[in-house]
Structure formats: C-alpha cells, structure tokens
C-alpha cells in the first residue's frame, strides 16, 4: 500500500513538472522543462537537468533531449492525448526514478 502511494505521488509530481508543456505546432518542440532527478527510460540512464520534447519521426513519437549534454531518446507517445500537452509519468522504484509513459 505504501509503495502505491509513493508511485502515485511521483506520478503527480512528474505530471506537475511537465503538465504545462506544449508541443508547439510551428516549431515541433516544447518549452524547456526542469526534471530535478536522475531517471531511467528504456534502459538508458539520464541525468537531472533541463529537457525539451521535440517531434520525432512521426506524430506518434517524441524525442526527449537534455539541453546541456545533448543526450536524447525517442519515445512512443500514448494514444488519447488530443490537447497537444505532453505529460511525463515517472515512477519511483527502489533503484531510482523511471520514466514510464509519455502522453
């Protein structure tokens, strides 16, 4: 039960951090967002820092780019987000934070 509330609080924190980010139609990239903790996504470790979402190879993909290091990873966006606002969902696990979903 405690793990459930930890995961829920981290999901809400991740949504709050990035909830207002909008992929702009003209530039196909978001305003910079600060992710205040190291995290893992698709088995790749990324450091805390300032990131930007950019349009990927299609509308279904986005690229998360670290603005300081240039490290990036392409992610499949979840279906059902018609507003254009991007939301990153993090889960806190025993070995750190994991980016679980981009919608």
PDB file of N, CA and C in Angstrom:
ATOM      1  N   UNK A   1       0.819  -1.189   0.000  1.00  0.00           N
ATOM      2  CA  UNK A   1       0.000   0.000   0.000  1.00  0.00           C
ATOM      3  C   UNK A   1       0.866   1.257   0.000  1.00  0.00           C
ATOM      4  N   UNK A   2       1.929   1.255   0.825  1.00  0.00           N
ATOM      5  CA  UNK A   2       2.837   2.398   0.881  1.00  0.00           C
ATOM      6  C   UNK A   2       3.497   2.628  -0.476  1.00  0.00           C
ATOM      7  N   UNK A   3       3.877   1.543  -1.157  1.00  0.00           N
ATOM      8  CA  UNK A   3       4.501   1.654  -2.482  1.00  0.00           C
ATOM      9  C   UNK A   3       3.526   2.293  -3.474  1.00  0.00           C
ATOM     10  N   UNK A   4       2.243   1.955  -3.339  1.00  0.00           N
ATOM     11  CA  UNK A   4       1.232   2.537  -4.205  1.00  0.00           C
ATOM     12  C   UNK A   4       1.192   4.053  -4.049  1.00  0.00           C
ATOM     13  N   UNK A   5       1.202   4.528  -2.803  1.00  0.00           N
ATOM     14  CA  UNK A   5       1.151   5.968  -2.565  1.00  0.00           C
ATOM     15  C   UNK A   5       2.431   6.658  -3.016  1.00  0.00           C
ATOM     16  N   UNK A   6       3.586   5.972  -2.906  1.00  0.00           N
ATOM     17  CA  UNK A   6       4.840   6.540  -3.417  1.00  0.00           C
ATOM     18  C   UNK A   6       4.755   6.710  -4.930  1.00  0.00           C
ATOM     19  N   UNK A   7       4.294   5.659  -5.616  1.00  0.00           N
ATOM     20  CA  UNK A   7       4.178   5.721  -7.073  1.00  0.00           C
ATOM     21  C   UNK A   7       3.186   6.800  -7.489  1.00  0.00           C
ATOM     22  N   UNK A   8       2.073   6.883  -6.766  1.00  0.00           N
ATOM     23  CA  UNK A   8       1.070   7.900  -7.084  1.00  0.00           C
ATOM     24  C   UNK A   8       1.628   9.308  -6.895  1.00  0.00           C
ATOM     25  N   UNK A   9       2.349   9.524  -5.791  1.00  0.00           N
ATOM     26  CA  UNK A   9       2.893  10.863  -5.554  1.00  0.00           C
ATOM     27  C   UNK A   9       3.932  11.228  -6.599  1.00  0.00           C
ATOM     28  N   UNK A  10       4.747  10.277  -7.044  1.00  0.00           N
ATOM     29  CA  UNK A  10       5.750  10.580  -8.063  1.00  0.00           C
ATOM     30  C   UNK A  10       5.092  10.821  -9.418  1.00  0.00           C
ATOM     31  N   UNK A  11       4.012  10.094  -9.696  1.00  0.00           N
ATOM     32  CA  UNK A  11       3.284  10.332 -10.942  1.00  0.00           C
ATOM     33  C   UNK A  11       2.725  11.747 -10.954  1.00  0.00           C
ATOM     34  N   UNK A  12       2.153  12.147  -9.835  1.00  0.00           N
ATOM     35  CA  UNK A  12       1.606  13.502  -9.748  1.00  0.00           C
ATOM     36  C   UNK A  12       2.704  14.551  -9.825  1.00  0.00           C
ATOM     37  N   UNK A  13       3.847  14.281  -9.189  1.00  0.00           N
ATOM     38  CA  UNK A  13       4.960  15.231  -9.246  1.00  0.00           C
ATOM     39  C   UNK A  13       5.475  15.362 -10.667  1.00  0.00           C
ATOM     40  N   UNK A  14       5.622  14.239 -11.358  1.00  0.00           N
ATOM     41  CA  UNK A  14       6.078  14.285 -12.745  1.00  0.00           C
ATOM     42  C   UNK A  14       5.107  15.021 -13.637  1.00  0.00           C
ATOM     43  N   UNK A  15       3.817  14.800 -13.402  1.00  0.00           N
ATOM     44  CA  UNK A  15       2.801  15.496 -14.188  1.00  0.00           C
ATOM     45  C   UNK A  15       2.830  16.987 -13.900  1.00  0.00           C
ATOM     46  N   UNK A  16       3.066  17.354 -12.650  1.00  0.00           N
ATOM     47  CA  UNK A  16       3.109  18.773 -12.290  1.00  0.00           C
ATOM     48  C   UNK A  16       4.312  19.455 -12.928  1.00  0.00           C
ATOM     49  N   UNK A  17       5.431  18.756 -12.984  1.00  0.00           N
ATOM     50  CA  UNK A  17       6.645  19.330 -13.560  1.00  0.00           C
ATOM     51  C   UNK A  17       6.455  19.607 -15.044  1.00  0.00           C
ATOM     52  N   UNK A  18       5.830  18.668 -15.734  1.00  0.00           N
ATOM     53  CA  UNK A  18       5.768  18.761 -17.183  1.00  0.00           C
ATOM     54  C   UNK A  18       4.350  18.991 -17.698  1.00  0.00           C
ATOM     55  N   UNK A  19       3.378  19.046 -16.826  1.00  0.00           N
ATOM     56  CA  UNK A  19       1.985  19.138 -17.234  1.00  0.00           C
ATOM     57  C   UNK A  19       1.674  20.298 -18.148  1.00  0.00           C
ATOM     58  N   UNK A  20       2.357  21.411 -17.999  1.00  0.00           N
ATOM     59  CA  UNK A  20       2.065  22.580 -18.815  1.00  0.00           C
ATOM     60  C   UNK A  20       2.836  22.624 -20.119  1.00  0.00           C
ATOM     61  N   UNK A  21       3.675  21.653 -20.357  1.00  0.00           N
ATOM     62  CA  UNK A  21       4.481  21.655 -21.561  1.00  0.00           C
ATOM     63  C   UNK A  21       3.620  21.388 -22.786  1.00  0.00           C
ATOM     64  N   UNK A  22       3.788  22.190 -23.799  1.00  0.00           N
ATOM     65  CA  UNK A  22       3.014  22.029 -25.017  1.00  0.00           C
ATOM     66  C   UNK A  22       3.963  21.870 -26.192  1.00  0.00           C
ATOM     67  N   UNK A  23       3.736  20.830 -26.997  1.00  0.00           N
ATOM     68  CA  UNK A  23       4.492  20.711 -28.240  1.00  0.00           C
ATOM     69  C   UNK A  23       3.915  21.720 -29.212  1.00  0.00           C
ATOM     70  N   UNK A  24       4.718  22.675 -29.583  1.00  0.00           N
ATOM     71  CA  UNK A  24       4.234  23.759 -30.431  1.00  0.00           C
ATOM     72  C   UNK A  24       4.170  23.287 -31.879  1.00  0.00           C
ATOM     73  N   UNK A  25       3.067  23.583 -32.531  1.00  0.00           N
ATOM     74  CA  UNK A  25       2.863  23.125 -33.897  1.00  0.00           C
ATOM     75  C   UNK A  25       3.902  23.694 -34.849  1.00  0.00           C
ATOM     76  N   UNK A  26       4.270  24.950 -34.682  1.00  0.00           N
ATOM     77  CA  UNK A  26       5.205  25.571 -35.620  1.00  0.00           C
ATOM     78  C   UNK A  26       6.618  25.021 -35.465  1.00  0.00           C
ATOM     79  N   UNK A  27       7.130  24.968 -34.233  1.00  0.00           N
ATOM     80  CA  UNK A  27       8.499  24.538 -34.016  1.00  0.00           C
ATOM     81  C   UNK A  27       8.640  23.068 -33.702  1.00  0.00           C
ATOM     82  N   UNK A  28       7.556  22.388 -33.412  1.00  0.00           N
ATOM     83  CA  UNK A  28       7.559  20.974 -33.056  1.00  0.00           C
ATOM     84  C   UNK A  28       8.453  20.677 -31.872  1.00  0.00           C
ATOM     85  N   UNK A  29       8.529  21.630 -30.927  1.00  0.00           N
ATOM     86  CA  UNK A  29       9.277  21.374 -29.701  1.00  0.00           C
ATOM     87  C   UNK A  29       8.670  22.162 -28.555  1.00  0.00           C
ATOM     88  N   UNK A  30       8.917  21.667 -27.356  1.00  0.00           N
ATOM     89  CA  UNK A  30       8.316  22.257 -26.166  1.00  0.00           C
ATOM     90  C   UNK A  30       9.209  23.347 -25.587  1.00  0.00           C
ATOM     91  N   UNK A  31       8.639  24.041 -24.631  1.00  0.00           N
ATOM     92  CA  UNK A  31       9.446  24.935 -23.808  1.00  0.00           C
ATOM     93  C   UNK A  31      10.344  24.044 -22.951  1.00  0.00           C
ATOM     94  N   UNK A  32      11.507  24.541 -22.539  1.00  0.00           N
ATOM     95  CA  UNK A  32      12.373  23.735 -21.665  1.00  0.00           C
ATOM     96  C   UNK A  32      11.664  23.418 -20.343  1.00  0.00           C
ATOM     97  N   UNK A  33      11.879  22.207 -19.845  1.00  0.00           N
ATOM     98  CA  UNK A  33      11.332  21.787 -18.558  1.00  0.00           C
ATOM     99  C   UNK A  33      12.463  21.239 -17.693  1.00  0.00           C
ATOM    100  N   UNK A  34      12.354  21.482 -16.410  1.00  0.00           N
ATOM    101  CA  UNK A  34      13.372  21.026 -15.459  1.00  0.00           C
ATOM    102  C   UNK A  34      12.919  19.710 -14.845  1.00  0.00           C
ATOM    103  N   UNK A  35      13.736  18.677 -14.979  1.00  0.00           N
ATOM    104  CA  UNK A  35      13.493  17.402 -14.307  1.00  0.00           C
ATOM    105  C   UNK A  35      14.542  17.321 -13.200  1.00  0.00           C
ATOM    106  N   UNK A  36      14.117  17.409 -11.921  1.00  0.00           N
ATOM    107  CA  UNK A  36      15.059  17.593 -10.814  1.00  0.00           C
ATOM    108  C   UNK A  36      15.704  16.326 -10.265  1.00  0.00           C
ATOM    109  N   UNK A  37      15.615  15.218 -10.987  1.00  0.00           N
ATOM    110  CA  UNK A  37      16.204  13.974 -10.502  1.00  0.00           C
ATOM    111  C   UNK A  37      16.711  13.154 -11.682  1.00  0.00           C
ATOM    112  N   UNK A  38      17.750  12.323 -11.428  1.00  0.00           N
ATOM    113  CA  UNK A  38      18.213  11.369 -12.431  1.00  0.00           C
ATOM    114  C   UNK A  38      17.092  10.360 -12.664  1.00  0.00           C
ATOM    115  N   UNK A  39      17.037   9.796 -13.870  1.00  0.00           N
ATOM    116  CA  UNK A  39      15.997   8.815 -14.158  1.00  0.00           C
ATOM    117  C   UNK A  39      16.456   7.872 -15.258  1.00  0.00           C
ATOM    118  N   UNK A  40      15.708   6.802 -15.405  1.00  0.00           N
ATOM    119  CA  UNK A  40      15.980   5.807 -16.431  1.00  0.00           C
ATOM    120  C   UNK A  40      14.783   5.737 -17.355  1.00  0.00           C
ATOM    121  N   UNK A  41      15.047   5.597 -18.639  1.00  0.00           N
ATOM    122  CA  UNK A  41      13.993   5.402 -19.629  1.00  0.00           C
ATOM    123  C   UNK A  41      14.517   4.427 -20.673  1.00  0.00           C
ATOM    124  N   UNK A  42      13.750   3.395 -20.946  1.00  0.00           N
ATOM    125  CA  UNK A  42      14.120   2.368 -21.917  1.00  0.00           C
ATOM    126  C   UNK A  42      15.527   1.834 -21.654  1.00  0.00           C
ATOM    127  N   UNK A  43      15.865   1.667 -20.384  1.00  0.00           N
ATOM    128  CA  UNK A  43      17.162   1.114 -20.002  1.00  0.00           C
ATOM    129  C   UNK A  43      18.322   2.102 -20.064  1.00  0.00           C
ATOM    130  N   UNK A  44      18.066   3.340 -20.430  1.00  0.00           N
ATOM    131  CA  UNK A  44      19.118   4.361 -20.526  1.00  0.00           C
ATOM    132  C   UNK A  44      19.008   5.318 -19.340  1.00  0.00           C
ATOM    133  N   UNK A  45      20.129   5.545 -18.665  1.00  0.00           N
ATOM    134  CA  UNK A  45      20.160   6.463 -17.521  1.00  0.00           C
ATOM    135  C   UNK A  45      20.368   7.889 -18.030  1.00  0.00           C
ATOM    136  N   UNK A  46      19.512   8.809 -17.593  1.00  0.00           N
ATOM    137  CA  UNK A  46      19.626  10.217 -17.961  1.00  0.00           C
ATOM    138  C   UNK A  46      19.736  11.048 -16.686  1.00  0.00           C
ATOM    139  N   UNK A  47      20.562  12.091 -16.719  1.00  0.00           N
ATOM    140  CA  UNK A  47      20.758  12.903 -15.514  1.00  0.00           C
ATOM    141  C   UNK A  47      19.642  13.927 -15.309  1.00  0.00           C
ATOM    142  N   UNK A  48      19.535  14.401 -14.079  1.00  0.00           N
ATOM    143  CA  UNK A  48      18.639  15.528 -13.802  1.00  0.00           C
ATOM    144  C   UNK A  48      19.086  16.695 -14.661  1.00  0.00           C
ATOM    145  N   UNK A  49      18.142  17.544 -15.035  1.00  0.00           N
ATOM    146  CA  UNK A  49      18.530  18.700 -15.834  1.00  0.00           C
ATOM    147  C   UNK A  49      17.369  19.288 -16.592  1.00  0.00           C
ATOM    148  N   UNK A  50      17.708  20.138 -17.541  1.00  0.00           N
ATOM    149  CA  UNK A  50      16.716  20.809 -18.370  1.00  0.00           C
ATOM    150  C   UNK A  50      16.553  20.024 -19.663  1.00  0.00           C
ATOM    151  N   UNK A  51      15.315  19.711 -19.969  1.00  0.00           N
ATOM    152  CA  UNK A  51      14.993  18.898 -21.140  1.00  0.00           C
ATOM    153  C   UNK A  51      13.995  19.629 -22.023  1.00  0.00           C
ATOM    154  N   UNK A  52      13.909  19.167 -23.256  1.00  0.00           N
ATOM    155  CA  UNK A  52      12.929  19.676 -24.209  1.00  0.00           C
ATOM    156  C   UNK A  52      12.375  18.475 -24.966  1.00  0.00           C
ATOM    157  N   UNK A  53      11.072  18.513 -25.239  1.00  0.00           N
ATOM    158  CA  UNK A  53      10.454  17.498 -26.090  1.00  0.00           C
ATOM    159  C   UNK A  53      10.393  18.034 -27.506  1.00  0.00           C
ATOM    160  N   UNK A  54      10.796  17.199 -28.441  1.00  0.00           N
ATOM    161  CA  UNK A  54      10.738  17.577 -29.847  1.00  0.00           C
ATOM    162  C   UNK A  54       9.953  16.519 -30.603  1.00  0.00           C
ATOM    163  N   UNK A  55       9.371  16.920 -31.709  1.00  0.00           N
ATOM    164  CA  UNK A  55       8.635  15.970 -32.533  1.00  0.00           C
ATOM    165  C   UNK A  55       9.610  14.940 -33.088  1.00  0.00           C
ATOM    166  N   UNK A  56       9.191  13.686 -33.036  1.00  0.00           N
ATOM    167  CA  UNK A  56      10.019  12.602 -33.551  1.00  0.00           C
ATOM    168  C   UNK A  56       9.786  12.372 -35.029  1.00  0.00           C
ATOM    169  N   UNK A  57      10.025  11.143 -35.444  1.00  0.00           N
ATOM    170  CA  UNK A  57       9.915  10.785 -36.856  1.00  0.00           C
ATOM    171  C   UNK A  57       8.477  10.774 -37.366  1.00  0.00           C
ATOM    172  N   UNK A  58       7.523  10.761 -36.437  1.00  0.00           N
ATOM    173  CA  UNK A  58       6.109  10.850 -36.797  1.00  0.00           C
ATOM    174  C   UNK A  58       5.360  11.494 -35.630  1.00  0.00           C
ATOM    175  N   UNK A  59       4.054  11.713 -35.810  1.00  0.00           N
ATOM    176  CA  UNK A  59       3.252  12.302 -34.736  1.00  0.00           C
ATOM    177  C   UNK A  59       3.182  11.403 -33.513  1.00  0.00           C
ATOM    178  N   UNK A  60       3.419  10.128 -33.676  1.00  0.00           N
ATOM    179  CA  UNK A  60       3.334   9.173 -32.566  1.00  0.00           C
ATOM    180  C   UNK A  60       4.612   9.139 -31.738  1.00  0.00           C
ATOM    181  N   UNK A  61       5.675   9.747 -32.200  1.00  0.00           N
ATOM    182  CA  UNK A  61       6.945   9.727 -31.486  1.00  0.00           C
ATOM    183  C   UNK A  61       7.365  11.128 -31.064  1.00  0.00           C
ATOM    184  N   UNK A  62       8.017  11.209 -29.908  1.00  0.00           N
ATOM    185  CA  UNK A  62       8.640  12.449 -29.445  1.00  0.00           C
ATOM    186  C   UNK A  62      10.057  12.114 -29.011  1.00  0.00           C
ATOM    187  N   UNK A  63      10.914  13.108 -29.061  1.00  0.00           N
ATOM    188  CA  UNK A  63      12.305  12.943 -28.649  1.00  0.00           C
ATOM    189  C   UNK A  63      12.523  13.812 -27.416  1.00  0.00           C
ATOM    190  N   UNK A  64      13.008  13.212 -26.342  1.00  0.00           N
ATOM    191  CA  UNK A  64      13.342  13.917 -25.118  1.00  0.00           C
ATOM    192  C   UNK A  64      14.832  14.229 -25.174  1.00  0.00           C
ATOM    193  N   UNK A  65      15.180  15.534 -25.130  1.00  0.00           N
ATOM    194  CA  UNK A  65      16.565  15.978 -25.321  1.00  0.00           C
ATOM    195  C   UNK A  65      17.063  16.708 -24.077  1.00  0.00           C
ATOM    196  N   UNK A  66      18.220  16.304 -23.556  1.00  0.00           N
ATOM    197  CA  UNK A  66      18.872  17.022 -22.458  1.00  0.00           C
ATOM    198  C   UNK A  66      19.579  18.218 -23.083  1.00  0.00           C
ATOM    199  N   UNK A  67      19.216  19.419 -22.678  1.00  0.00           N
ATOM    200  CA  UNK A  67      19.750  20.623 -23.319  1.00  0.00           C
ATOM    201  C   UNK A  67      21.219  20.880 -22.995  1.00  0.00           C
ATOM    202  N   UNK A  68      21.728  20.345 -21.884  1.00  0.00           N
ATOM    203  CA  UNK A  68      23.136  20.551 -21.540  1.00  0.00           C
ATOM    204  C   UNK A  68      24.038  19.539 -22.248  1.00  0.00           C
ATOM    205  N   UNK A  69      23.640  18.258 -22.219  1.00  0.00           N
ATOM    206  CA  UNK A  69      24.512  17.206 -22.745  1.00  0.00           C
ATOM    207  C   UNK A  69      24.192  16.815 -24.179  1.00  0.00           C
ATOM    208  N   UNK A  70      22.968  17.119 -24.630  1.00  0.00           N
ATOM    209  CA  UNK A  70      22.553  16.700 -25.964  1.00  0.00           C
ATOM    210  C   UNK A  70      22.065  15.261 -26.014  1.00  0.00           C
ATOM    211  N   UNK A  71      22.154  14.538 -24.877  1.00  0.00           N
ATOM    212  CA  UNK A  71      21.637  13.172 -24.855  1.00  0.00           C
ATOM    213  C   UNK A  71      20.159  13.207 -25.196  1.00  0.00           C
ATOM    214  N   UNK A  72      19.704  12.204 -25.929  1.00  0.00           N
ATOM    215  CA  UNK A  72      18.303  12.182 -26.316  1.00  0.00           C
ATOM    216  C   UNK A  72      17.817  10.749 -26.454  1.00  0.00           C
ATOM    217  N   UNK A  73      16.510  10.616 -26.377  1.00  0.00           N
ATOM    218  CA  UNK A  73      15.888   9.309 -26.560  1.00  0.00           C
ATOM    219  C   UNK A  73      14.525   9.522 -27.208  1.00  0.00           C
ATOM    220  N   UNK A  74      14.209   8.667 -28.168  1.00  0.00           N
ATOM    221  CA  UNK A  74      12.925   8.753 -28.846  1.00  0.00           C
ATOM    222  C   UNK A  74      11.928   7.857 -28.122  1.00  0.00           C
ATOM    223  N   UNK A  75      10.725   8.380 -27.916  1.00  0.00           N
ATOM    224  CA  UNK A  75       9.701   7.639 -27.187  1.00  0.00           C
ATOM    225  C   UNK A  75       8.389   7.643 -27.955  1.00  0.00           C
ATOM    226  N   UNK A  76       7.668   6.542 -27.822  1.00  0.00           N
ATOM    227  CA  UNK A  76       6.330   6.431 -28.397  1.00  0.00           C
ATOM    228  C   UNK A  76       5.348   7.137 -27.474  1.00  0.00           C
ATOM    229  N   UNK A  77       4.537   8.022 -28.026  1.00  0.00           N
ATOM    230  CA  UNK A  77       3.520   8.727 -27.223  1.00  0.00           C
ATOM    231  C   UNK A  77       2.295   7.843 -27.077  1.00  0.00           C
ATOM    232  N   UNK A  78       1.656   7.924 -25.915  1.00  0.00           N
ATOM    233  CA  UNK A  78       0.423   7.173 -25.666  1.00  0.00           C
ATOM    234  C   UNK A  78      -0.711   7.770 -26.482  1.00  0.00           C
ATOM    235  N   UNK A  79      -1.662   6.941 -26.832  1.00  0.00           N
ATOM    236  CA  UNK A  79      -2.857   7.414 -27.534  1.00  0.00           C
ATOM    237  C   UNK A  79      -3.773   8.141 -26.569  1.00  0.00           C
ATOM    238  N   UNK A  80      -4.608   9.000 -27.081  1.00  0.00           N
ATOM    239  CA  UNK A  80      -5.654   9.615 -26.274  1.00  0.00           C
ATOM    240  C   UNK A  80      -5.347  11.015 -25.785  1.00  0.00           C
ATOM    241  N   UNK A  81      -4.188  11.575 -26.125  1.00  0.00           N
ATOM    242  CA  UNK A  81      -3.885  12.942 -25.704  1.00  0.00           C
ATOM    243  C   UNK A  81      -4.161  13.876 -26.868  1.00  0.00           C
ATOM    244  N   UNK A  82      -5.339  14.395 -26.907  1.00  0.00           N
ATOM    245  CA  UNK A  82      -5.759  15.250 -28.024  1.00  0.00           C
ATOM    246  C   UNK A  82      -5.440  16.720 -27.802  1.00  0.00           C
ATOM    247  N   UNK A  83      -5.031  17.109 -26.597  1.00  0.00           N
ATOM    248  CA  UNK A  83      -4.827  18.521 -26.299  1.00  0.00           C
ATOM    249  C   UNK A  83      -3.500  19.058 -26.807  1.00  0.00           C
ATOM    250  N   UNK A  84      -2.569  18.174 -27.134  1.00  0.00           N
ATOM    251  CA  UNK A  84      -1.252  18.621 -27.546  1.00  0.00           C
ATOM    252  C   UNK A  84      -0.311  18.823 -26.383  1.00  0.00           C
ATOM    253  N   UNK A  85      -0.822  18.766 -25.152  1.00  0.00           N
ATOM    254  CA  UNK A  85       0.032  18.921 -23.981  1.00  0.00           C
ATOM    255  C   UNK A  85       0.718  17.605 -23.681  1.00  0.00           C
ATOM    256  N   UNK A  86       2.001  17.677 -23.435  1.00  0.00           N
ATOM    257  CA  UNK A  86       2.771  16.482 -23.116  1.00  0.00           C
ATOM    258  C   UNK A  86       2.794  16.274 -21.610  1.00  0.00           C
ATOM    259  N   UNK A  87       2.742  15.012 -21.207  1.00  0.00           N
ATOM    260  CA  UNK A  87       2.802  14.689 -19.792  1.00  0.00           C
ATOM    261  C   UNK A  87       3.768  13.525 -19.619  1.00  0.00           C
ATOM    262  N   UNK A  88       4.787  13.725 -18.808  1.00  0.00           N
ATOM    263  CA  UNK A  88       5.727  12.661 -18.479  1.00  0.00           C
ATOM    264  C   UNK A  88       5.291  12.029 -17.166  1.00  0.00           C
ATOM    265  N   UNK A  89       5.246  10.715 -17.136  1.00  0.00           N
ATOM    266  CA  UNK A  89       4.830   9.999 -15.929  1.00  0.00           C
ATOM    267  C   UNK A  89       6.028   9.210 -15.410  1.00  0.00           C
ATOM    268  N   UNK A  90       6.488   9.575 -14.203  1.00  0.00           N
ATOM    269  CA  UNK A  90       7.607   8.914 -13.555  1.00  0.00           C
ATOM    270  C   UNK A  90       7.106   7.995 -12.454  1.00  0.00           C
ATOM    271  N   UNK A  91       7.858   6.916 -12.226  1.00  0.00           N
ATOM    272  CA  UNK A  91       7.578   6.029 -11.105  1.00  0.00           C
ATOM    273  C   UNK A  91       8.849   5.910 -10.277  1.00  0.00           C
ATOM    274  N   UNK A  92       8.699   6.038  -8.957  1.00  0.00           N
ATOM    275  CA  UNK A  92       9.847   5.882  -8.069  1.00  0.00           C
ATOM    276  C   UNK A  92       9.980   4.409  -7.721  1.00  0.00           C
ATOM    277  N   UNK A  93      11.118   3.825  -8.077  1.00  0.00           N
ATOM    278  CA  UNK A  93      11.398   2.433  -7.760  1.00  0.00           C
ATOM    279  C   UNK A  93      12.570   2.386  -6.795  1.00  0.00           C
ATOM    280  N   UNK A  94      12.916   1.210  -6.325  1.00  0.00           N
ATOM    281  CA  UNK A  94      13.973   1.090  -5.315  1.00  0.00           C
ATOM    282  C   UNK A  94      15.317   1.618  -5.811  1.00  0.00           C
ATOM    283  N   UNK A  95      15.585   1.531  -7.091  1.00  0.00           N
ATOM    284  CA  UNK A  95      16.874   1.988  -7.628  1.00  0.00           C
ATOM    285  C   UNK A  95      16.795   3.351  -8.305  1.00  0.00           C
ATOM    286  N   UNK A  96      15.716   4.087  -8.089  1.00  0.00           N
ATOM    287  CA  UNK A  96      15.608   5.436  -8.643  1.00  0.00           C
ATOM    288  C   UNK A  96      14.294   5.641  -9.390  1.00  0.00           C
ATOM    289  N   UNK A  97      14.263   6.706 -10.180  1.00  0.00           N
ATOM    290  CA  UNK A  97      13.058   7.065 -10.926  1.00  0.00           C
ATOM    291  C   UNK A  97      13.113   6.476 -12.322  1.00  0.00           C
ATOM    292  N   UNK A  98      11.937   6.074 -12.812  1.00  0.00           N
ATOM    293  CA  UNK A  98      11.812   5.519 -14.160  1.00  0.00           C
ATOM    294  C   UNK A  98      10.729   6.312 -14.876  1.00  0.00           C
ATOM    295  N   UNK A  99      11.041   6.775 -16.088  1.00  0.00           N
ATOM    296  CA  UNK A  99      10.043   7.434 -16.921  1.00  0.00           C
ATOM    297  C   UNK A  99       9.222   6.340 -17.558  1.00  0.00           C
ATOM    298  N   UNK A 100       7.968   6.219 -17.129  1.00  0.00           N
ATOM    299  CA  UNK A 100       7.100   5.112 -17.556  1.00  0.00           C
ATOM    300  C   UNK A 100       6.286   5.415 -18.802  1.00  0.00           C
ATOM    301  N   UNK A 101       5.910   6.698 -18.968  1.00  0.00           N
ATOM    302  CA  UNK A 101       4.986   6.983 -20.062  1.00  0.00           C
ATOM    303  C   UNK A 101       5.099   8.432 -20.485  1.00  0.00           C
ATOM    304  N   UNK A 102       4.907   8.643 -21.767  1.00  0.00           N
ATOM    305  CA  UNK A 102       4.797   9.973 -22.347  1.00  0.00           C
ATOM    306  C   UNK A 102       3.449  10.025 -23.053  1.00  0.00           C
ATOM    307  N   UNK A 103       2.605  10.922 -22.600  1.00  0.00           N
ATOM    308  CA  UNK A 103       1.280  11.004 -23.246  1.00  0.00           C
ATOM    309  C   UNK A 103       1.026  12.432 -23.686  1.00  0.00           C
TER     310      UNK A 103
END
